[in-house]
N, C-alpha and C. Protein backbone atom coordinates (compact mmCIF):
# COMPACT_ATOMS: atom_id res chain seq x y z
N MET A 1 0.84 -1.15 -0.02
CA MET A 1 0.06 0.09 0.05
C MET A 1 0.86 1.20 0.15
N LYS A 2 0.57 2.18 -0.93
CA LYS A 2 1.28 3.39 -0.96
C LYS A 2 0.70 4.61 -0.28
N ARG A 3 1.52 5.37 0.17
CA ARG A 3 0.99 6.65 0.95
C ARG A 3 0.32 7.52 -0.09
N LYS A 4 -0.74 8.25 0.11
CA LYS A 4 -1.33 8.90 -1.00
C LYS A 4 -0.87 10.46 -0.92
N HIS A 5 0.04 10.83 -0.14
CA HIS A 5 0.71 12.07 -0.13
C HIS A 5 2.16 12.07 0.18
N LYS A 6 2.91 13.31 -0.17
CA LYS A 6 4.32 13.24 0.08
C LYS A 6 4.48 13.48 1.72
N LEU A 7 5.50 12.99 2.25
CA LEU A 7 5.83 13.37 3.56
C LEU A 7 6.32 14.81 3.63
N LEU A 8 7.16 15.08 2.60
CA LEU A 8 7.76 16.55 2.58
C LEU A 8 7.67 17.00 1.21
N THR A 9 6.69 18.24 1.10
CA THR A 9 6.52 18.93 -0.06
C THR A 9 7.57 20.00 -0.14
N LYS A 10 7.74 20.53 -1.43
CA LYS A 10 8.77 21.55 -1.69
C LYS A 10 8.28 22.79 -0.69
N ALA A 11 7.12 22.98 -0.71
CA ALA A 11 6.67 24.30 0.08
C ALA A 11 6.90 24.02 1.56
N LEU A 12 6.69 22.89 2.04
CA LEU A 12 7.10 22.60 3.55
C LEU A 12 8.49 22.79 3.77
N GLU A 13 9.19 22.20 2.61
CA GLU A 13 10.90 22.13 2.66
C GLU A 13 11.21 23.47 2.91
N GLU A 14 10.72 24.58 2.08
CA GLU A 14 11.04 26.04 1.99
C GLU A 14 10.94 26.66 3.45
N LYS A 15 9.89 26.18 4.29
CA LYS A 15 9.36 26.78 5.57
C LYS A 15 10.50 26.25 6.63
N LEU A 16 11.29 25.14 6.44
CA LEU A 16 12.23 24.53 7.42
C LEU A 16 13.43 25.50 7.30
N PRO A 17 13.96 25.94 8.40
CA PRO A 17 15.21 26.65 8.57
C PRO A 17 16.19 25.46 8.36
N VAL A 18 17.59 25.85 8.06
CA VAL A 18 18.59 24.77 7.86
C VAL A 18 19.09 24.44 9.11
N LEU A 19 19.76 23.41 9.25
CA LEU A 19 20.23 22.92 10.39
C LEU A 19 21.02 23.97 11.20
N GLY A 20 20.83 23.99 12.47
CA GLY A 20 21.55 24.97 13.44
C GLY A 20 20.98 26.38 13.37
N ALA A 21 19.93 26.58 12.56
CA ALA A 21 19.41 27.97 12.36
C ALA A 21 18.70 28.45 13.76
N THR A 22 18.24 27.58 14.20
CA THR A 22 17.24 27.98 15.56
C THR A 22 17.87 27.73 16.80
N ASP A 23 19.21 27.33 16.82
CA ASP A 23 20.00 26.93 17.77
C ASP A 23 20.15 28.24 18.78
N GLY A 24 19.60 28.11 20.07
CA GLY A 24 19.78 29.08 21.15
C GLY A 24 18.53 30.01 20.95
N ALA A 25 17.46 30.08 20.12
CA ALA A 25 16.32 30.82 19.97
C ALA A 25 15.37 30.57 21.05
N ASP A 26 14.68 31.47 21.50
CA ASP A 26 13.52 31.35 22.33
C ASP A 26 12.53 30.25 21.69
N HIS A 27 12.12 29.53 22.56
CA HIS A 27 11.07 28.40 22.09
C HIS A 27 9.72 29.05 21.56
N ASP A 28 9.42 30.14 22.17
CA ASP A 28 8.11 30.86 21.57
C ASP A 28 8.44 31.48 20.31
N LYS A 29 9.51 31.62 19.78
CA LYS A 29 9.95 32.24 18.53
C LYS A 29 10.19 31.04 17.35
N ILE A 30 10.37 29.72 17.85
CA ILE A 30 10.69 28.91 16.82
C ILE A 30 9.57 28.15 16.31
N LYS A 31 9.25 28.23 14.92
CA LYS A 31 8.08 27.61 14.43
C LYS A 31 8.22 26.22 14.21
N VAL A 32 7.37 25.33 14.35
CA VAL A 32 7.37 23.95 13.87
C VAL A 32 6.42 23.59 12.60
N PRO A 33 7.19 23.91 11.48
CA PRO A 33 6.55 23.78 10.25
C PRO A 33 5.92 22.49 9.79
N VAL A 34 6.42 21.37 10.35
CA VAL A 34 5.92 20.18 10.03
C VAL A 34 5.76 19.00 11.16
N LYS A 35 4.72 18.42 11.39
CA LYS A 35 4.62 17.33 12.28
C LYS A 35 4.35 16.13 11.49
N PHE A 36 5.08 14.98 11.88
CA PHE A 36 4.90 13.78 11.43
C PHE A 36 4.37 12.66 12.56
N PHE A 37 3.63 11.80 12.34
CA PHE A 37 3.26 10.97 13.27
C PHE A 37 2.87 9.46 12.93
N SER A 38 2.97 8.61 13.87
CA SER A 38 2.42 7.10 13.51
C SER A 38 1.09 6.97 13.95
N PRO A 39 0.11 6.77 13.02
CA PRO A 39 -1.21 6.34 13.54
C PRO A 39 -1.16 5.07 14.24
N TYR A 40 -0.04 4.22 14.39
CA TYR A 40 -0.14 2.93 15.07
C TYR A 40 0.56 2.81 16.42
N SER A 41 0.94 4.13 16.79
CA SER A 41 1.94 4.27 18.10
C SER A 41 1.63 5.65 18.62
N ASN A 42 2.43 5.92 19.62
CA ASN A 42 2.35 7.29 20.18
C ASN A 42 3.32 8.10 19.80
N TRP A 43 4.17 7.66 18.83
CA TRP A 43 5.32 8.49 18.30
C TRP A 43 4.98 9.59 17.49
N THR A 44 5.51 10.82 17.72
CA THR A 44 5.35 11.95 16.96
C THR A 44 6.71 12.74 16.76
N TRP A 45 7.08 13.24 15.59
CA TRP A 45 8.28 13.89 15.17
C TRP A 45 7.76 15.37 14.78
N TYR A 46 8.34 16.28 15.48
CA TYR A 46 8.18 17.70 15.19
C TYR A 46 9.36 18.26 14.62
N ALA A 47 9.40 18.49 13.32
CA ALA A 47 10.53 18.91 12.52
C ALA A 47 10.75 20.50 12.71
N LEU A 48 11.91 20.94 12.95
CA LEU A 48 12.22 22.23 13.37
C LEU A 48 13.22 22.83 12.32
N GLU A 49 14.09 21.87 11.90
CA GLU A 49 15.19 22.27 10.99
C GLU A 49 15.19 21.26 10.09
N TYR A 50 16.01 21.52 8.83
CA TYR A 50 16.33 20.41 7.71
C TYR A 50 17.42 20.85 7.02
N SER A 51 18.02 19.61 6.54
CA SER A 51 19.29 19.70 5.71
C SER A 51 18.75 19.13 4.25
N PRO A 52 18.66 19.74 3.31
CA PRO A 52 18.06 19.11 2.03
C PRO A 52 18.99 18.07 1.24
N GLY A 53 20.29 18.36 1.59
CA GLY A 53 21.39 17.53 1.11
C GLY A 53 21.36 16.24 1.39
N ASP A 54 21.32 15.87 2.77
CA ASP A 54 21.19 14.52 3.09
C ASP A 54 19.79 14.21 3.74
N GLN A 55 18.95 15.22 3.65
CA GLN A 55 17.67 14.94 3.97
C GLN A 55 17.31 14.75 5.69
N THR A 56 18.10 15.25 6.28
CA THR A 56 18.12 15.05 7.82
C THR A 56 17.35 16.31 8.47
N PHE A 57 16.49 15.71 9.37
CA PHE A 57 15.80 16.86 10.17
C PHE A 57 16.36 16.72 11.72
N PHE A 58 16.14 18.10 12.29
CA PHE A 58 16.34 18.24 13.60
C PHE A 58 15.15 18.62 14.22
N GLY A 59 14.64 17.92 15.41
CA GLY A 59 13.36 18.42 16.00
C GLY A 59 13.13 17.82 17.19
N LEU A 60 11.94 17.91 17.68
CA LEU A 60 11.36 17.23 19.07
C LEU A 60 10.84 16.03 18.55
N VAL A 61 11.34 14.89 19.39
CA VAL A 61 10.53 13.70 19.16
C VAL A 61 9.81 13.19 20.36
N HIS A 62 8.56 12.91 20.22
CA HIS A 62 7.89 12.27 21.44
C HIS A 62 7.77 10.80 21.02
N GLY A 63 8.36 9.96 21.85
CA GLY A 63 8.49 8.48 21.56
C GLY A 63 8.49 7.83 22.91
N PHE A 64 9.44 7.21 23.21
CA PHE A 64 9.55 6.63 24.57
C PHE A 64 9.83 7.68 25.58
N GLU A 65 10.53 8.72 25.11
CA GLU A 65 10.89 9.94 26.09
C GLU A 65 10.55 11.17 25.11
N LYS A 66 10.47 12.31 25.49
CA LYS A 66 10.45 13.50 24.86
C LYS A 66 11.87 14.08 24.95
N GLU A 67 12.44 14.10 23.63
CA GLU A 67 13.83 14.60 23.61
C GLU A 67 14.06 15.20 22.14
N PHE A 68 14.96 15.99 22.07
CA PHE A 68 15.47 16.59 20.72
C PHE A 68 16.51 15.69 20.00
N GLY A 69 16.48 15.72 18.83
CA GLY A 69 17.30 14.82 18.18
C GLY A 69 17.38 14.98 16.56
N TYR A 70 18.07 14.09 15.87
CA TYR A 70 18.14 14.23 14.43
C TYR A 70 17.33 12.87 13.90
N PHE A 71 16.60 13.11 12.82
CA PHE A 71 15.82 12.02 12.17
C PHE A 71 15.95 12.18 10.54
N SER A 72 15.76 11.13 9.80
CA SER A 72 15.90 11.35 8.34
C SER A 72 14.46 11.06 7.59
N LEU A 73 14.39 11.89 6.48
CA LEU A 73 13.19 11.74 5.67
C LEU A 73 13.21 10.25 5.26
N ALA A 74 14.26 9.65 4.71
CA ALA A 74 14.36 8.41 4.25
C ALA A 74 13.87 7.45 5.17
N GLU A 75 14.34 7.50 6.38
CA GLU A 75 13.82 6.69 7.63
C GLU A 75 12.37 6.76 7.95
N LEU A 76 11.76 8.01 7.76
CA LEU A 76 10.17 8.12 7.88
C LEU A 76 9.66 7.42 6.86
N GLU A 77 10.11 7.84 5.59
CA GLU A 77 9.38 7.23 4.28
C GLU A 77 9.41 5.56 4.31
N SER A 78 10.69 5.12 4.71
CA SER A 78 10.67 3.56 4.57
C SER A 78 10.04 2.76 5.74
N THR A 79 9.88 3.21 6.74
CA THR A 79 9.19 2.53 7.91
C THR A 79 7.74 1.97 7.52
N LYS A 80 7.63 0.74 7.54
CA LYS A 80 6.42 0.01 7.10
C LYS A 80 5.96 -1.00 8.19
N LEU A 81 4.89 -1.21 8.28
CA LEU A 81 4.10 -2.34 9.18
C LEU A 81 3.43 -3.28 8.34
N SER A 82 3.29 -4.52 8.98
CA SER A 82 2.42 -5.53 8.27
C SER A 82 1.16 -5.47 9.00
N ILE A 83 0.00 -5.19 8.23
CA ILE A 83 -1.21 -5.16 8.80
C ILE A 83 -2.14 -5.89 7.87
N ALA A 84 -2.83 -7.01 8.50
CA ALA A 84 -3.60 -7.92 7.60
C ALA A 84 -2.91 -8.24 6.20
N GLY A 85 -1.59 -8.75 6.32
CA GLY A 85 -0.75 -9.19 5.27
C GLY A 85 -0.46 -8.00 4.43
N ALA A 86 -0.83 -6.79 4.41
CA ALA A 86 -0.41 -5.81 3.65
C ALA A 86 0.70 -4.80 4.32
N ARG A 87 1.73 -4.50 3.57
CA ARG A 87 2.71 -3.58 4.23
C ARG A 87 2.20 -1.95 3.94
N VAL A 88 1.98 -1.38 5.03
CA VAL A 88 1.51 -0.11 4.99
C VAL A 88 2.38 1.02 5.73
N PRO A 89 2.48 2.12 5.19
CA PRO A 89 3.41 3.26 5.86
C PRO A 89 3.15 3.36 7.50
N ALA A 90 4.25 3.38 8.18
CA ALA A 90 3.93 3.53 9.48
C ALA A 90 4.05 4.99 9.92
N VAL A 91 4.39 6.04 9.15
CA VAL A 91 4.52 7.34 9.72
C VAL A 91 3.80 8.22 8.48
N GLU A 92 3.05 9.04 8.95
CA GLU A 92 2.38 10.09 8.05
C GLU A 92 2.56 11.41 8.57
N ARG A 93 2.44 12.26 7.55
CA ARG A 93 2.44 13.72 7.96
C ARG A 93 0.93 14.23 8.26
N ASP A 94 0.97 15.07 9.33
CA ASP A 94 -0.20 15.74 9.79
C ASP A 94 -0.75 16.65 8.59
N LEU A 95 -1.72 16.49 8.01
CA LEU A 95 -2.11 17.27 6.89
C LEU A 95 -2.74 18.46 7.33
N TYR A 96 -3.19 18.44 8.58
CA TYR A 96 -3.97 19.65 9.25
C TYR A 96 -3.30 20.44 10.06
N TRP A 97 -1.85 20.33 10.18
CA TRP A 97 -0.89 20.89 11.11
C TRP A 97 -0.87 22.38 10.68
N ASN A 98 -0.91 23.14 11.81
CA ASN A 98 -0.75 24.69 11.56
C ASN A 98 0.73 24.91 11.61
N SER A 99 1.33 25.41 10.45
CA SER A 99 2.70 25.46 10.44
C SER A 99 3.28 26.75 11.26
N ASP A 100 2.33 27.48 11.80
CA ASP A 100 2.56 28.71 12.54
C ASP A 100 2.80 28.27 14.12
N THR A 101 2.69 27.00 14.29
CA THR A 101 2.64 26.62 15.73
C THR A 101 4.09 26.71 16.26
N THR A 102 4.22 27.02 17.41
CA THR A 102 5.58 27.34 17.96
C THR A 102 6.11 26.01 18.83
N LEU A 103 7.35 25.99 18.92
CA LEU A 103 7.86 24.80 19.87
C LEU A 103 7.42 25.03 21.27
N ASP A 104 7.28 26.34 21.77
CA ASP A 104 6.59 26.59 23.18
C ASP A 104 5.20 26.09 23.25
N ASP A 105 4.42 26.20 22.17
CA ASP A 105 3.00 25.53 22.07
C ASP A 105 3.19 23.95 22.14
N VAL A 106 3.99 23.53 21.52
CA VAL A 106 4.16 21.99 21.43
C VAL A 106 4.46 21.52 22.90
N GLU A 107 5.52 22.14 23.41
CA GLU A 107 6.09 21.62 24.72
C GLU A 107 5.02 21.91 25.79
N LYS A 108 4.28 22.81 25.80
CA LYS A 108 3.11 23.00 26.74
C LYS A 108 1.99 22.37 26.53
N GLY A 109 1.88 21.56 25.34
CA GLY A 109 0.57 20.77 25.01
C GLY A 109 -0.52 21.69 24.41
N ARG A 110 -0.21 22.88 23.85
CA ARG A 110 -1.20 23.75 23.34
C ARG A 110 -1.37 23.53 21.87
N ALA A 111 -0.58 22.66 21.09
CA ALA A 111 -0.62 22.27 19.75
C ALA A 111 -1.59 21.25 19.48
N ARG A 112 -2.26 21.41 18.35
CA ARG A 112 -2.98 20.28 18.01
C ARG A 112 -2.90 19.94 16.56
C-alpha cells in the first residue's frame, strides 16, 4: 500500500530553516512547520530544521521519551508495518497541522 501524499513537499521544505538556524532561539519564536506521526503508536516527530542535502531533520521527538534529536526523511518514508498481510506506511504527515505553531506551544501541550 502506498502513501497518498508526500511526507515533505517543496513548500514545506522551504518553511524549514537549515540545520543549526534555531540554535539558542527562544522556544516561543521557533516555528514547527511540519509534524509527522505514527497512527499505530504514540510516536510524533516535530521538525524544526532540515538539511536538504542529506534529508536530515532536527526536531522534538515524542516517543519513549520527549527529546530533541536528528531523524531522516528516508527513515520516516521507509518505515512500514504489516497489517492484515499488507505493508503499510507507519509514519504520516499531519495534513491539518498549523505551520505557525511554535515549539513552546508543542512543549506546553497547546498544539493540536
